[in-house]
Amino acid sequence: MDAISTSDERFSDQRFALTQASAARRRRNRPAHLLVVASVLLLGSAVGALSGRRSRSDALSDLEGERARESRIGALVSELDRLKADQARAGQDASDRIQIHDLEDLAASVGFDPPLGAPRRNERGGRTTPQEIEYEQIRQPLDRLVAWLGAVQERYPRMEVTRLELSPQSRVRKQPRNQPWTLKVVFRMWQTGP
């Protein structure tokens, strides 16, 4: 029986060795390091894709901001071109000043009685400056005030009205036709200096 038990032990050892060799071959055929590397690569590419998507959205918002800025600048340039064309059409020099006697003549032409009082002028130094003329208390009928403002705007097309306060002189419900109104107005015109 000794020969049988030895052969069984050898068979058992061979079987054990064969099982060990089979398990080792199975581990080599299924390498875990390749799965780990593939998982890391997949995770890295997902992070990269998310980062790229965020960068793209940031770039698109920056692009929209720049387009809006460009359109605002384009509008300002076209406004400047329009003002230059108006200036050339009117035959006025950029250093043209608002003439007080012109304003008084326009007031007289629409029938102001009494004539305009002395305005307050505000001229600041610098290369491009506004010239402002302010009239504090003008008391005239409403139709004459409106006609005078229209004549001033027609004479000086580049002039802006920056403040306009118009109120009836008395607080009566039924206003007579020639009821005086009080007007406070500030005219401004931009000009370039020497």
N, C-alpha and C. Protein backbone atom coordinates (compact mmCIF):
# COMPACT_ATOMS: atom_id res chain seq x y z
N MET A 1 0.81 -1.17 0.00
CA MET A 1 0.00 0.00 0.00
C MET A 1 0.86 1.24 0.00
N ASP A 2 2.00 0.97 0.34
CA ASP A 2 2.92 2.08 0.35
C ASP A 2 3.06 2.69 -1.03
N ALA A 3 3.09 1.89 -2.02
CA ALA A 3 3.24 2.38 -3.39
C ALA A 3 2.00 3.18 -3.78
N ILE A 4 0.84 2.80 -3.31
CA ILE A 4 -0.40 3.50 -3.67
C ILE A 4 -0.43 4.84 -2.94
N SER A 5 -0.08 4.85 -1.68
CA SER A 5 -0.13 6.11 -0.94
C SER A 5 0.92 7.08 -1.47
N THR A 6 2.04 6.61 -1.92
CA THR A 6 3.07 7.47 -2.49
C THR A 6 2.56 8.03 -3.81
N SER A 7 1.94 7.17 -4.58
CA SER A 7 1.42 7.63 -5.87
C SER A 7 0.28 8.61 -5.63
N ASP A 8 -0.53 8.42 -4.59
CA ASP A 8 -1.61 9.37 -4.26
C ASP A 8 -1.02 10.72 -3.81
N GLU A 9 0.04 10.65 -3.05
CA GLU A 9 0.68 11.89 -2.60
C GLU A 9 1.28 12.63 -3.79
N ARG A 10 1.91 11.86 -4.67
CA ARG A 10 2.47 12.50 -5.84
C ARG A 10 1.37 13.09 -6.71
N PHE A 11 0.34 12.34 -6.82
CA PHE A 11 -0.81 12.83 -7.60
C PHE A 11 -1.40 14.07 -6.95
N SER A 12 -1.49 14.06 -5.63
CA SER A 12 -2.02 15.19 -4.89
C SER A 12 -1.08 16.38 -5.03
N ASP A 13 0.22 16.15 -4.99
CA ASP A 13 1.19 17.24 -5.16
C ASP A 13 1.13 17.80 -6.58
N GLN A 14 0.99 16.90 -7.54
CA GLN A 14 0.89 17.36 -8.93
C GLN A 14 -0.41 18.14 -9.12
N ARG A 15 -1.41 17.66 -8.51
CA ARG A 15 -2.70 18.34 -8.62
C ARG A 15 -2.63 19.72 -7.96
N PHE A 16 -1.98 19.79 -6.81
CA PHE A 16 -1.81 21.06 -6.12
C PHE A 16 -0.95 22.01 -6.96
N ALA A 17 0.10 21.50 -7.54
CA ALA A 17 0.99 22.32 -8.38
C ALA A 17 0.24 22.79 -9.61
N LEU A 18 -0.56 21.90 -10.18
CA LEU A 18 -1.35 22.25 -11.36
C LEU A 18 -2.38 23.33 -11.00
N THR A 19 -3.00 23.24 -9.84
CA THR A 19 -3.97 24.24 -9.39
C THR A 19 -3.28 25.58 -9.18
N GLN A 20 -2.08 25.52 -8.58
CA GLN A 20 -1.32 26.75 -8.35
C GLN A 20 -0.92 27.39 -9.69
N ALA A 21 -0.49 26.60 -10.62
CA ALA A 21 -0.09 27.11 -11.94
C ALA A 21 -1.29 27.69 -12.66
N SER A 22 -2.43 27.03 -12.54
CA SER A 22 -3.66 27.51 -13.19
C SER A 22 -4.09 28.85 -12.58
N ALA A 23 -4.01 29.00 -11.26
CA ALA A 23 -4.39 30.24 -10.59
C ALA A 23 -3.44 31.37 -10.99
N ALA A 24 -2.13 31.04 -11.10
CA ALA A 24 -1.16 32.06 -11.50
C ALA A 24 -1.43 32.51 -12.94
N ARG A 25 -1.75 31.55 -13.81
CA ARG A 25 -2.03 31.89 -15.20
C ARG A 25 -3.29 32.76 -15.28
N ARG A 26 -4.30 32.44 -14.48
CA ARG A 26 -5.53 33.22 -14.46
C ARG A 26 -5.25 34.67 -14.02
N ARG A 27 -4.41 34.84 -13.02
CA ARG A 27 -4.06 36.19 -12.56
C ARG A 27 -3.31 36.95 -13.65
N ARG A 28 -2.44 36.27 -14.39
CA ARG A 28 -1.72 36.94 -15.48
C ARG A 28 -2.65 37.30 -16.62
N ASN A 29 -3.65 36.51 -16.87
CA ASN A 29 -4.59 36.79 -17.94
C ASN A 29 -5.56 37.92 -17.56
N ARG A 30 -5.73 38.21 -16.28
CA ARG A 30 -6.62 39.26 -15.81
C ARG A 30 -5.80 40.24 -14.97
N PRO A 31 -5.00 41.12 -15.64
CA PRO A 31 -4.11 42.00 -14.87
C PRO A 31 -4.90 43.17 -14.26
N ALA A 32 -4.85 43.32 -12.98
CA ALA A 32 -5.59 44.36 -12.26
C ALA A 32 -4.97 45.74 -12.51
N HIS A 33 -3.67 45.80 -12.76
CA HIS A 33 -3.03 47.11 -12.96
C HIS A 33 -3.55 47.79 -14.23
N LEU A 34 -3.91 47.01 -15.22
CA LEU A 34 -4.48 47.62 -16.43
C LEU A 34 -5.86 48.21 -16.14
N LEU A 35 -6.63 47.56 -15.32
CA LEU A 35 -7.93 48.09 -14.95
C LEU A 35 -7.79 49.38 -14.12
N VAL A 36 -6.82 49.40 -13.23
CA VAL A 36 -6.58 50.59 -12.41
C VAL A 36 -6.14 51.75 -13.30
N VAL A 37 -5.22 51.50 -14.22
CA VAL A 37 -4.72 52.55 -15.13
C VAL A 37 -5.87 53.06 -16.00
N ALA A 38 -6.68 52.16 -16.52
CA ALA A 38 -7.82 52.57 -17.36
C ALA A 38 -8.82 53.41 -16.55
N SER A 39 -9.06 53.02 -15.31
CA SER A 39 -9.98 53.79 -14.46
C SER A 39 -9.43 55.18 -14.17
N VAL A 40 -8.14 55.28 -13.89
CA VAL A 40 -7.51 56.58 -13.63
C VAL A 40 -7.59 57.45 -14.89
N LEU A 41 -7.31 56.87 -16.05
CA LEU A 41 -7.41 57.62 -17.31
C LEU A 41 -8.84 58.11 -17.56
N LEU A 42 -9.82 57.27 -17.29
CA LEU A 42 -11.21 57.64 -17.47
C LEU A 42 -11.59 58.79 -16.54
N LEU A 43 -11.17 58.71 -15.29
CA LEU A 43 -11.44 59.76 -14.32
C LEU A 43 -10.75 61.07 -14.73
N GLY A 44 -9.51 60.98 -15.16
CA GLY A 44 -8.77 62.18 -15.60
C GLY A 44 -9.42 62.82 -16.82
N SER A 45 -9.87 62.02 -17.76
CA SER A 45 -10.51 62.59 -18.94
C SER A 45 -11.85 63.22 -18.59
N ALA A 46 -12.57 62.67 -17.62
CA ALA A 46 -13.84 63.27 -17.19
C ALA A 46 -13.59 64.63 -16.53
N VAL A 47 -12.57 64.70 -15.69
CA VAL A 47 -12.22 65.98 -15.05
C VAL A 47 -11.78 66.99 -16.11
N GLY A 48 -10.99 66.55 -17.07
CA GLY A 48 -10.55 67.44 -18.16
C GLY A 48 -11.72 67.93 -18.99
N ALA A 49 -12.68 67.06 -19.26
CA ALA A 49 -13.85 67.46 -20.05
C ALA A 49 -14.68 68.49 -19.29
N LEU A 50 -14.87 68.28 -17.99
CA LEU A 50 -15.63 69.25 -17.19
C LEU A 50 -14.91 70.59 -17.12
N SER A 51 -13.60 70.55 -16.96
CA SER A 51 -12.81 71.78 -16.92
C SER A 51 -12.87 72.50 -18.26
N GLY A 52 -12.80 71.76 -19.35
CA GLY A 52 -12.89 72.36 -20.69
C GLY A 52 -14.25 72.98 -20.93
N ARG A 53 -15.29 72.32 -20.46
CA ARG A 53 -16.64 72.86 -20.63
C ARG A 53 -16.81 74.17 -19.85
N ARG A 54 -16.27 74.20 -18.64
CA ARG A 54 -16.35 75.43 -17.85
C ARG A 54 -15.54 76.54 -18.50
N SER A 55 -14.35 76.22 -18.99
CA SER A 55 -13.54 77.23 -19.67
C SER A 55 -14.26 77.76 -20.90
N ARG A 56 -14.95 76.90 -21.60
CA ARG A 56 -15.69 77.31 -22.80
C ARG A 56 -16.82 78.26 -22.43
N SER A 57 -17.55 77.93 -21.36
CA SER A 57 -18.65 78.82 -20.96
C SER A 57 -18.11 80.17 -20.48
N ASP A 58 -16.97 80.17 -19.78
CA ASP A 58 -16.35 81.43 -19.37
C ASP A 58 -15.92 82.24 -20.58
N ALA A 59 -15.34 81.58 -21.56
CA ALA A 59 -14.90 82.26 -22.78
C ALA A 59 -16.09 82.82 -23.55
N LEU A 60 -17.20 82.08 -23.60
CA LEU A 60 -18.40 82.57 -24.29
C LEU A 60 -18.98 83.79 -23.59
N SER A 61 -18.99 83.79 -22.26
CA SER A 61 -19.52 84.96 -21.55
C SER A 61 -18.60 86.16 -21.75
N ASP A 62 -17.28 85.94 -21.77
CA ASP A 62 -16.35 87.03 -22.06
C ASP A 62 -16.56 87.57 -23.47
N LEU A 63 -16.80 86.66 -24.41
CA LEU A 63 -17.04 87.07 -25.79
C LEU A 63 -18.30 87.92 -25.90
N GLU A 64 -19.36 87.52 -25.21
CA GLU A 64 -20.60 88.29 -25.24
C GLU A 64 -20.39 89.68 -24.63
N GLY A 65 -19.62 89.74 -23.54
CA GLY A 65 -19.31 91.04 -22.93
C GLY A 65 -18.54 91.93 -23.88
N GLU A 66 -17.57 91.37 -24.58
CA GLU A 66 -16.78 92.15 -25.54
C GLU A 66 -17.63 92.57 -26.73
N ARG A 67 -18.55 91.73 -27.16
CA ARG A 67 -19.44 92.11 -28.26
C ARG A 67 -20.35 93.26 -27.85
N ALA A 68 -20.86 93.21 -26.62
CA ALA A 68 -21.70 94.30 -26.12
C ALA A 68 -20.89 95.59 -26.02
N ARG A 69 -19.67 95.48 -25.55
CA ARG A 69 -18.78 96.64 -25.46
C ARG A 69 -18.50 97.20 -26.85
N GLU A 70 -18.25 96.32 -27.79
CA GLU A 70 -17.99 96.75 -29.17
C GLU A 70 -19.20 97.48 -29.76
N SER A 71 -20.40 96.97 -29.48
CA SER A 71 -21.59 97.64 -30.02
C SER A 71 -21.80 98.99 -29.36
N ARG A 72 -21.49 99.11 -28.05
CA ARG A 72 -21.60 100.42 -27.39
C ARG A 72 -20.59 101.40 -28.00
N ILE A 73 -19.38 100.93 -28.23
CA ILE A 73 -18.36 101.79 -28.84
C ILE A 73 -18.77 102.18 -30.25
N GLY A 74 -19.33 101.23 -31.00
CA GLY A 74 -19.82 101.53 -32.34
C GLY A 74 -20.91 102.58 -32.32
N ALA A 75 -21.80 102.48 -31.35
CA ALA A 75 -22.88 103.48 -31.23
C ALA A 75 -22.30 104.85 -30.90
N LEU A 76 -21.31 104.89 -30.02
CA LEU A 76 -20.67 106.17 -29.70
C LEU A 76 -19.95 106.77 -30.90
N VAL A 77 -19.27 105.91 -31.67
CA VAL A 77 -18.58 106.39 -32.86
C VAL A 77 -19.58 106.92 -33.89
N SER A 78 -20.68 106.21 -34.07
CA SER A 78 -21.68 106.69 -35.03
C SER A 78 -22.32 107.99 -34.54
N GLU A 79 -22.52 108.13 -33.22
CA GLU A 79 -23.05 109.38 -32.67
C GLU A 79 -22.06 110.52 -32.91
N LEU A 80 -20.78 110.23 -32.72
CA LEU A 80 -19.75 111.24 -32.98
C LEU A 80 -19.73 111.63 -34.45
N ASP A 81 -19.82 110.64 -35.34
CA ASP A 81 -19.87 110.93 -36.77
C ASP A 81 -21.09 111.78 -37.12
N ARG A 82 -22.23 111.45 -36.51
CA ARG A 82 -23.45 112.21 -36.76
C ARG A 82 -23.30 113.65 -36.30
N LEU A 83 -22.70 113.82 -35.11
CA LEU A 83 -22.50 115.17 -34.60
C LEU A 83 -21.53 115.97 -35.48
N LYS A 84 -20.48 115.29 -35.97
CA LYS A 84 -19.55 115.97 -36.87
C LYS A 84 -20.24 116.37 -38.17
N ALA A 85 -21.10 115.48 -38.68
CA ALA A 85 -21.83 115.80 -39.91
C ALA A 85 -22.79 116.96 -39.67
N ASP A 86 -23.48 116.96 -38.52
CA ASP A 86 -24.37 118.07 -38.19
C ASP A 86 -23.60 119.38 -38.09
N GLN A 87 -22.43 119.29 -37.50
CA GLN A 87 -21.59 120.46 -37.35
C GLN A 87 -21.14 120.97 -38.71
N ALA A 88 -20.74 120.07 -39.59
CA ALA A 88 -20.31 120.48 -40.93
C ALA A 88 -21.49 121.06 -41.71
N ARG A 89 -22.66 120.45 -41.57
CA ARG A 89 -23.86 120.93 -42.26
C ARG A 89 -24.25 122.31 -41.79
N ALA A 90 -24.12 122.54 -40.50
CA ALA A 90 -24.50 123.83 -39.95
C ALA A 90 -23.44 124.89 -40.22
N GLY A 91 -22.27 124.44 -40.68
CA GLY A 91 -21.20 125.38 -40.98
C GLY A 91 -20.60 126.01 -39.74
N GLN A 92 -20.67 125.29 -38.64
CA GLN A 92 -20.16 125.84 -37.39
C GLN A 92 -18.83 125.21 -37.07
N ASP A 93 -17.96 126.01 -36.52
CA ASP A 93 -16.65 125.58 -36.08
C ASP A 93 -16.79 124.89 -34.72
N ALA A 94 -15.88 123.95 -34.40
CA ALA A 94 -15.95 123.25 -33.12
C ALA A 94 -15.74 124.18 -31.94
N SER A 95 -15.09 125.33 -32.17
CA SER A 95 -14.87 126.26 -31.06
C SER A 95 -15.99 127.29 -30.97
N ASP A 96 -17.07 127.09 -31.69
CA ASP A 96 -18.21 128.01 -31.67
C ASP A 96 -18.72 128.15 -30.24
N ARG A 97 -19.10 129.37 -29.88
CA ARG A 97 -19.61 129.65 -28.55
C ARG A 97 -21.07 130.04 -28.65
N ILE A 98 -21.80 129.77 -27.60
CA ILE A 98 -23.18 130.24 -27.54
C ILE A 98 -23.12 131.76 -27.36
N GLN A 99 -23.78 132.46 -28.22
CA GLN A 99 -23.78 133.92 -28.15
C GLN A 99 -25.02 134.38 -27.39
N ILE A 100 -24.80 135.11 -26.31
CA ILE A 100 -25.90 135.60 -25.49
C ILE A 100 -26.81 136.51 -26.29
N HIS A 101 -26.22 137.35 -27.14
CA HIS A 101 -27.06 138.26 -27.93
C HIS A 101 -27.95 137.49 -28.89
N ASP A 102 -27.50 136.29 -29.36
CA ASP A 102 -28.37 135.45 -30.20
C ASP A 102 -29.59 134.98 -29.40
N LEU A 103 -29.36 134.58 -28.17
CA LEU A 103 -30.46 134.13 -27.33
C LEU A 103 -31.44 135.27 -27.06
N GLU A 104 -30.90 136.46 -26.85
CA GLU A 104 -31.75 137.62 -26.62
C GLU A 104 -32.54 137.99 -27.88
N ASP A 105 -31.86 137.91 -29.05
CA ASP A 105 -32.55 138.22 -30.32
C ASP A 105 -33.67 137.21 -30.57
N LEU A 106 -33.40 135.94 -30.28
CA LEU A 106 -34.44 134.91 -30.47
C LEU A 106 -35.61 135.17 -29.53
N ALA A 107 -35.31 135.60 -28.31
CA ALA A 107 -36.39 135.90 -27.34
C ALA A 107 -37.22 137.08 -27.84
N ALA A 108 -36.56 138.08 -28.37
CA ALA A 108 -37.29 139.25 -28.88
C ALA A 108 -38.13 138.87 -30.10
N SER A 109 -37.60 137.94 -30.92
CA SER A 109 -38.33 137.56 -32.14
C SER A 109 -39.62 136.79 -31.83
N VAL A 110 -39.70 136.12 -30.70
CA VAL A 110 -40.93 135.42 -30.35
C VAL A 110 -41.83 136.27 -29.44
N GLY A 111 -41.39 137.50 -29.13
CA GLY A 111 -42.25 138.42 -28.42
C GLY A 111 -42.08 138.48 -26.92
N PHE A 112 -40.88 138.18 -26.40
CA PHE A 112 -40.66 138.30 -24.96
C PHE A 112 -40.80 139.75 -24.54
N ASP A 113 -41.56 139.98 -23.47
CA ASP A 113 -41.68 141.32 -22.93
C ASP A 113 -41.76 141.17 -21.42
N PRO A 114 -40.87 141.58 -20.62
CA PRO A 114 -39.62 142.27 -20.89
C PRO A 114 -38.59 141.31 -21.47
N PRO A 115 -37.48 141.84 -21.99
CA PRO A 115 -36.46 140.97 -22.57
C PRO A 115 -35.80 140.08 -21.52
N LEU A 116 -35.00 139.16 -22.01
CA LEU A 116 -34.29 138.23 -21.12
C LEU A 116 -33.38 138.97 -20.16
N GLY A 117 -33.24 138.41 -18.98
CA GLY A 117 -32.27 138.95 -18.03
C GLY A 117 -30.90 138.37 -18.32
N ALA A 118 -29.94 138.74 -17.52
CA ALA A 118 -28.57 138.26 -17.70
C ALA A 118 -28.47 136.80 -17.23
N PRO A 119 -27.90 135.95 -18.04
CA PRO A 119 -27.75 134.55 -17.63
C PRO A 119 -26.49 134.35 -16.79
N ARG A 120 -26.41 133.18 -16.20
CA ARG A 120 -25.20 132.77 -15.50
C ARG A 120 -24.44 131.83 -16.41
N ARG A 121 -23.18 132.12 -16.67
CA ARG A 121 -22.36 131.28 -17.56
C ARG A 121 -21.44 130.41 -16.73
N ASN A 122 -21.19 129.23 -17.25
CA ASN A 122 -20.27 128.31 -16.59
C ASN A 122 -19.41 127.69 -17.67
N GLU A 123 -18.17 128.12 -17.75
CA GLU A 123 -17.24 127.56 -18.73
C GLU A 123 -16.04 127.04 -17.96
N ARG A 124 -15.70 125.79 -18.18
CA ARG A 124 -14.57 125.18 -17.51
C ARG A 124 -13.41 125.10 -18.49
N GLY A 125 -12.21 125.12 -17.97
CA GLY A 125 -11.03 124.99 -18.83
C GLY A 125 -10.81 123.54 -19.21
N GLY A 126 -9.99 123.32 -20.17
CA GLY A 126 -9.67 121.96 -20.60
C GLY A 126 -9.80 121.83 -22.09
N ARG A 127 -9.42 120.70 -22.59
CA ARG A 127 -9.42 120.47 -24.04
C ARG A 127 -10.84 120.36 -24.59
N THR A 128 -11.67 119.53 -23.97
CA THR A 128 -13.07 119.41 -24.38
C THR A 128 -13.91 119.82 -23.18
N THR A 129 -14.67 120.87 -23.33
CA THR A 129 -15.39 121.41 -22.18
C THR A 129 -16.83 121.72 -22.55
N PRO A 130 -17.69 121.68 -21.55
CA PRO A 130 -19.06 122.14 -21.80
C PRO A 130 -19.17 123.63 -21.52
N GLN A 131 -19.94 124.30 -22.32
CA GLN A 131 -20.28 125.69 -22.04
C GLN A 131 -21.73 125.65 -21.58
N GLU A 132 -21.98 126.15 -20.39
CA GLU A 132 -23.33 126.12 -19.84
C GLU A 132 -23.83 127.54 -19.63
N ILE A 133 -25.09 127.74 -19.97
CA ILE A 133 -25.75 129.02 -19.73
C ILE A 133 -27.04 128.71 -18.98
N GLU A 134 -27.22 129.40 -17.86
CA GLU A 134 -28.37 129.12 -17.02
C GLU A 134 -29.21 130.39 -16.86
N TYR A 135 -30.50 130.24 -17.12
CA TYR A 135 -31.46 131.31 -16.87
C TYR A 135 -32.32 130.86 -15.69
N GLU A 136 -32.37 131.69 -14.66
CA GLU A 136 -33.06 131.30 -13.44
C GLU A 136 -34.55 131.63 -13.46
N GLN A 137 -34.91 132.87 -13.75
CA GLN A 137 -36.30 133.28 -13.63
C GLN A 137 -36.74 133.98 -14.92
N ILE A 138 -37.36 133.24 -15.81
CA ILE A 138 -37.94 133.85 -17.00
C ILE A 138 -39.45 133.76 -16.83
N ARG A 139 -40.10 134.90 -16.84
CA ARG A 139 -41.56 134.94 -16.68
C ARG A 139 -42.18 135.41 -17.98
N GLN A 140 -42.80 134.49 -18.69
CA GLN A 140 -43.43 134.79 -19.98
C GLN A 140 -44.62 133.85 -20.14
N PRO A 141 -45.52 134.14 -21.07
CA PRO A 141 -46.59 133.19 -21.38
C PRO A 141 -46.01 131.89 -21.95
N LEU A 142 -46.73 130.81 -21.73
CA LEU A 142 -46.23 129.48 -22.08
C LEU A 142 -45.92 129.34 -23.57
N ASP A 143 -46.78 129.85 -24.45
CA ASP A 143 -46.54 129.69 -25.89
C ASP A 143 -45.25 130.39 -26.32
N ARG A 144 -44.93 131.53 -25.71
CA ARG A 144 -43.67 132.22 -26.05
C ARG A 144 -42.46 131.46 -25.53
N LEU A 145 -42.59 130.87 -24.35
CA LEU A 145 -41.47 130.08 -23.80
C LEU A 145 -41.16 128.89 -24.70
N VAL A 146 -42.21 128.19 -25.12
CA VAL A 146 -42.01 127.01 -25.97
C VAL A 146 -41.44 127.43 -27.33
N ALA A 147 -41.93 128.54 -27.89
CA ALA A 147 -41.41 129.03 -29.16
C ALA A 147 -39.94 129.43 -29.04
N TRP A 148 -39.58 130.05 -27.92
CA TRP A 148 -38.18 130.45 -27.72
C TRP A 148 -37.27 129.23 -27.60
N LEU A 149 -37.70 128.22 -26.82
CA LEU A 149 -36.88 127.00 -26.69
C LEU A 149 -36.69 126.33 -28.04
N GLY A 150 -37.75 126.28 -28.85
CA GLY A 150 -37.63 125.68 -30.18
C GLY A 150 -36.70 126.46 -31.07
N ALA A 151 -36.74 127.81 -31.01
CA ALA A 151 -35.86 128.63 -31.82
C ALA A 151 -34.40 128.47 -31.40
N VAL A 152 -34.17 128.36 -30.10
CA VAL A 152 -32.80 128.16 -29.61
C VAL A 152 -32.26 126.82 -30.10
N GLN A 153 -33.06 125.76 -30.02
CA GLN A 153 -32.63 124.44 -30.49
C GLN A 153 -32.37 124.44 -32.00
N GLU A 154 -33.16 125.23 -32.73
CA GLU A 154 -32.97 125.32 -34.17
C GLU A 154 -31.68 126.07 -34.51
N ARG A 155 -31.38 127.11 -33.75
CA ARG A 155 -30.18 127.92 -34.00
C ARG A 155 -28.91 127.17 -33.60
N TYR A 156 -28.97 126.45 -32.49
CA TYR A 156 -27.82 125.69 -31.99
C TYR A 156 -28.20 124.21 -31.91
N PRO A 157 -28.08 123.45 -33.02
CA PRO A 157 -28.52 122.06 -33.01
C PRO A 157 -27.70 121.15 -32.09
N ARG A 158 -26.47 121.55 -31.77
CA ARG A 158 -25.64 120.72 -30.90
C ARG A 158 -25.88 121.01 -29.43
N MET A 159 -26.73 121.95 -29.14
CA MET A 159 -26.98 122.34 -27.76
C MET A 159 -27.93 121.35 -27.09
N GLU A 160 -27.65 121.08 -25.82
CA GLU A 160 -28.51 120.20 -25.02
C GLU A 160 -29.20 121.04 -23.95
N VAL A 161 -30.40 120.66 -23.60
CA VAL A 161 -31.08 121.26 -22.45
C VAL A 161 -30.88 120.28 -21.31
N THR A 162 -30.07 120.68 -20.32
CA THR A 162 -29.75 119.76 -19.22
C THR A 162 -30.70 119.91 -18.04
N ARG A 163 -31.36 121.04 -17.92
CA ARG A 163 -32.33 121.22 -16.85
C ARG A 163 -33.45 122.11 -17.36
N LEU A 164 -34.67 121.73 -17.05
CA LEU A 164 -35.82 122.51 -17.48
C LEU A 164 -36.88 122.40 -16.39
N GLU A 165 -37.20 123.53 -15.79
CA GLU A 165 -38.26 123.58 -14.78
C GLU A 165 -39.28 124.61 -15.25
N LEU A 166 -40.51 124.20 -15.38
CA LEU A 166 -41.57 125.06 -15.88
C LEU A 166 -42.73 124.98 -14.90
N SER A 167 -43.15 126.15 -14.39
CA SER A 167 -44.26 126.14 -13.43
C SER A 167 -45.10 127.40 -13.64
N PRO A 168 -46.43 127.29 -13.40
CA PRO A 168 -47.27 128.48 -13.52
C PRO A 168 -46.94 129.46 -12.40
N GLN A 169 -47.08 130.73 -12.69
CA GLN A 169 -46.72 131.74 -11.71
C GLN A 169 -47.73 131.77 -10.57
N SER A 170 -48.99 131.47 -10.86
CA SER A 170 -49.99 131.41 -9.79
C SER A 170 -50.65 130.04 -9.82
N ARG A 171 -51.19 129.63 -8.71
CA ARG A 171 -51.78 128.30 -8.58
C ARG A 171 -53.30 128.35 -8.75
N VAL A 172 -53.80 129.07 -9.72
CA VAL A 172 -55.23 129.19 -9.96
C VAL A 172 -55.65 128.03 -10.84
N ARG A 173 -56.87 127.53 -10.59
CA ARG A 173 -57.34 126.39 -11.36
C ARG A 173 -57.51 126.72 -12.84
N LYS A 174 -58.16 127.79 -13.12
CA LYS A 174 -58.40 128.18 -14.51
C LYS A 174 -57.39 129.26 -14.87
N GLN A 175 -56.44 128.92 -15.73
CA GLN A 175 -55.39 129.84 -16.11
C GLN A 175 -55.85 130.74 -17.26
N PRO A 176 -55.63 132.05 -17.16
CA PRO A 176 -55.91 132.89 -18.33
C PRO A 176 -54.92 132.56 -19.44
N ARG A 177 -55.27 132.89 -20.65
CA ARG A 177 -54.47 132.52 -21.81
C ARG A 177 -53.04 133.06 -21.74
N ASN A 178 -52.88 134.28 -21.34
CA ASN A 178 -51.55 134.89 -21.30
C ASN A 178 -50.95 134.86 -19.90
N GLN A 179 -51.36 133.89 -19.10
CA GLN A 179 -50.83 133.74 -17.73
C GLN A 179 -49.31 133.53 -17.80
N PRO A 180 -48.52 134.31 -17.07
CA PRO A 180 -47.06 134.10 -17.10
C PRO A 180 -46.69 132.79 -16.40
N TRP A 181 -45.71 132.15 -16.96
CA TRP A 181 -45.13 130.94 -16.38
C TRP A 181 -43.68 131.27 -16.03
N THR A 182 -43.14 130.51 -15.08
CA THR A 182 -41.75 130.71 -14.68
C THR A 182 -40.93 129.56 -15.27
N LEU A 183 -39.84 129.92 -15.94
CA LEU A 183 -38.98 128.94 -16.58
C LEU A 183 -37.58 129.05 -16.00
N LYS A 184 -37.02 127.91 -15.63
CA LYS A 184 -35.61 127.81 -15.26
C LYS A 184 -35.01 126.82 -16.24
N VAL A 185 -33.98 127.24 -16.95
CA VAL A 185 -33.42 126.37 -17.98
C VAL A 185 -31.90 126.49 -17.97
N VAL A 186 -31.24 125.34 -18.26
CA VAL A 186 -29.78 125.31 -18.40
C VAL A 186 -29.49 124.71 -19.76
N PHE A 187 -28.76 125.47 -20.59
CA PHE A 187 -28.32 124.99 -21.89
C PHE A 187 -26.86 124.57 -21.77
N ARG A 188 -26.48 123.51 -22.50
CA ARG A 188 -25.09 123.06 -22.51
C ARG A 188 -24.71 122.73 -23.95
N MET A 189 -23.50 123.15 -24.32
CA MET A 189 -22.97 122.78 -25.63
C MET A 189 -21.50 122.42 -25.44
N TRP A 190 -21.10 121.27 -25.94
CA TRP A 190 -19.71 120.80 -25.84
C TRP A 190 -18.89 121.45 -26.93
N GLN A 191 -17.68 121.79 -26.58
CA GLN A 191 -16.78 122.39 -27.56
C GLN A 191 -15.35 121.97 -27.25
N THR A 192 -14.53 122.03 -28.25
CA THR A 192 -13.13 121.70 -28.06
C THR A 192 -12.33 122.98 -27.93
N GLY A 193 -11.38 122.96 -27.04
CA GLY A 193 -10.55 124.13 -26.81
C GLY A 193 -9.33 124.10 -27.71
N PRO A 194 -8.48 125.11 -27.58
CA PRO A 194 -7.29 125.19 -28.42
C PRO A 194 -6.27 124.14 -28.06
